[in-house]
Amino acid sequence: MVVAIQNLNVHELVEAFPPSNFYLYKDSILDAINRRSMFNLIDLKDGDKVDFWTLTDEPFDRSRFSR
């Protein structure tokens, strides 16, 4: 999943996935925003995993996000 997320939205995202049920850490998200990389969300009960790729200004990323 490609996301456009800002530092201000991180708290809301983390609150939506409580740590008792999900692996999603604020510091990992902030690091991904700063490095323009990716972070993970893992459902601890079922083991499902979502990779979040942060949107960059690169033409490929813009193209990928528009799709």
C-alpha atoms as a PDB file:
ATOM      1  CA  MET A   1       0.000   0.000   0.000  1.00  0.00           C
ATOM      2  CA  VAL A   2       1.396   3.414  -0.933  1.00  0.00           C
ATOM      3  CA  VAL A   3       0.518   6.163   1.538  1.00  0.00           C
ATOM      4  CA  ALA A   4       0.839   9.907   1.758  1.00  0.00           C
ATOM      5  CA  ILE A   5       1.247  10.443   5.492  1.00  0.00           C
ATOM      6  CA  GLN A   6       2.558  13.334   7.511  1.00  0.00           C
ATOM      7  CA  ASN A   7       3.962  13.427  11.028  1.00  0.00           C
ATOM      8  CA  LEU A   8       0.691  14.910  12.279  1.00  0.00           C
ATOM      9  CA  ASN A   9      -1.302  11.837  11.201  1.00  0.00           C
ATOM     10  CA  VAL A  10       0.916   9.215  12.812  1.00  0.00           C
ATOM     11  CA  HIS A  11      -0.807   9.342  16.195  1.00  0.00           C
ATOM     12  CA  GLU A  12      -4.217   8.740  14.589  1.00  0.00           C
ATOM     13  CA  LEU A  13      -2.933   5.765  12.626  1.00  0.00           C
ATOM     14  CA  VAL A  14      -1.336   4.170  15.690  1.00  0.00           C
ATOM     15  CA  GLU A  15      -4.523   4.689  17.736  1.00  0.00           C
ATOM     16  CA  ALA A  16      -6.567   2.936  15.037  1.00  0.00           C
ATOM     17  CA  PHE A  17      -4.484  -0.235  15.537  1.00  0.00           C
ATOM     18  CA  PRO A  18      -4.051  -0.874  19.292  1.00  0.00           C
ATOM     19  CA  PRO A  19      -0.770  -2.510  20.350  1.00  0.00           C
ATOM     20  CA  SER A  20      -2.584  -5.346  22.092  1.00  0.00           C
ATOM     21  CA  ASN A  21      -3.760  -6.580  18.661  1.00  0.00           C
ATOM     22  CA  PHE A  22      -1.292  -5.110  16.169  1.00  0.00           C
ATOM     23  CA  TYR A  23       2.393  -4.491  15.611  1.00  0.00           C
ATOM     24  CA  LEU A  24       2.614  -0.855  14.523  1.00  0.00           C
ATOM     25  CA  TYR A  25       5.121   1.479  16.149  1.00  0.00           C
ATOM     26  CA  LYS A  26       5.091   5.258  16.009  1.00  0.00           C
ATOM     27  CA  ASP A  27       8.895   5.448  15.791  1.00  0.00           C
ATOM     28  CA  SER A  28       8.930   3.101  12.774  1.00  0.00           C
ATOM     29  CA  ILE A  29       6.373   5.249  10.990  1.00  0.00           C
ATOM     30  CA  LEU A  30       8.232   8.482  11.737  1.00  0.00           C
ATOM     31  CA  ASP A  31      11.497   6.918  10.556  1.00  0.00           C
ATOM     32  CA  ALA A  32       9.823   5.820   7.309  1.00  0.00           C
ATOM     33  CA  ILE A  33       8.462   9.336   6.765  1.00  0.00           C
ATOM     34  CA  ASN A  34      11.892  10.885   7.347  1.00  0.00           C
ATOM     35  CA  ARG A  35      13.729   8.366   5.157  1.00  0.00           C
ATOM     36  CA  ARG A  36      10.896   8.106   2.615  1.00  0.00           C
ATOM     37  CA  SER A  37      10.816   4.366   2.984  1.00  0.00           C
ATOM     38  CA  MET A  38       8.334   1.822   4.362  1.00  0.00           C
ATOM     39  CA  PHE A  39       6.838   0.522   7.590  1.00  0.00           C
ATOM     40  CA  ASN A  40       4.767  -2.544   8.557  1.00  0.00           C
ATOM     41  CA  LEU A  41       1.466  -3.283  10.213  1.00  0.00           C
ATOM     42  CA  ILE A  42       1.062  -6.837  11.508  1.00  0.00           C
ATOM     43  CA  ASP A  43      -2.111  -8.364  12.922  1.00  0.00           C
ATOM     44  CA  LEU A  44      -0.817 -10.273  15.948  1.00  0.00           C
ATOM     45  CA  LYS A  45      -3.847 -12.574  16.066  1.00  0.00           C
ATOM     46  CA  ASP A  46      -4.001 -13.682  12.418  1.00  0.00           C
ATOM     47  CA  GLY A  47      -0.465 -12.860  11.269  1.00  0.00           C
ATOM     48  CA  ASP A  48      -1.641 -10.723   8.347  1.00  0.00           C
ATOM     49  CA  LYS A  49       0.903  -8.121   7.271  1.00  0.00           C
ATOM     50  CA  VAL A  50       0.578  -4.849   5.370  1.00  0.00           C
ATOM     51  CA  ASP A  51       3.602  -2.990   3.984  1.00  0.00           C
ATOM     52  CA  PHE A  52       3.118   0.777   3.789  1.00  0.00           C
ATOM     53  CA  TRP A  53       5.369   2.577   1.303  1.00  0.00           C
ATOM     54  CA  THR A  54       5.600   6.324   1.828  1.00  0.00           C
ATOM     55  CA  LEU A  55       4.996   8.551  -1.146  1.00  0.00           C
ATOM     56  CA  THR A  56       8.055  10.364  -2.489  1.00  0.00           C
ATOM     57  CA  ASP A  57       8.500  13.018  -5.165  1.00  0.00           C
ATOM     58  CA  GLU A  58      10.055  10.505  -7.553  1.00  0.00           C
ATOM     59  CA  PRO A  59       8.145  10.173 -10.863  1.00  0.00           C
ATOM     60  CA  PHE A  60       7.768   6.406 -10.387  1.00  0.00           C
ATOM     61  CA  ASP A  61       6.227   6.865  -6.944  1.00  0.00           C
ATOM     62  CA  ARG A  62       3.845   9.538  -8.204  1.00  0.00           C
ATOM     63  CA  SER A  63       2.793   7.225 -11.024  1.00  0.00           C
ATOM     64  CA  ARG A  64       2.350   4.308  -8.655  1.00  0.00           C
ATOM     65  CA  PHE A  65       0.256   6.397  -6.274  1.00  0.00           C
ATOM     66  CA  SER A  66      -1.985   7.717  -9.033  1.00  0.00           C
ATOM     67  CA  ARG A  67      -2.912   4.146 -10.008  1.00  0.00           C
END
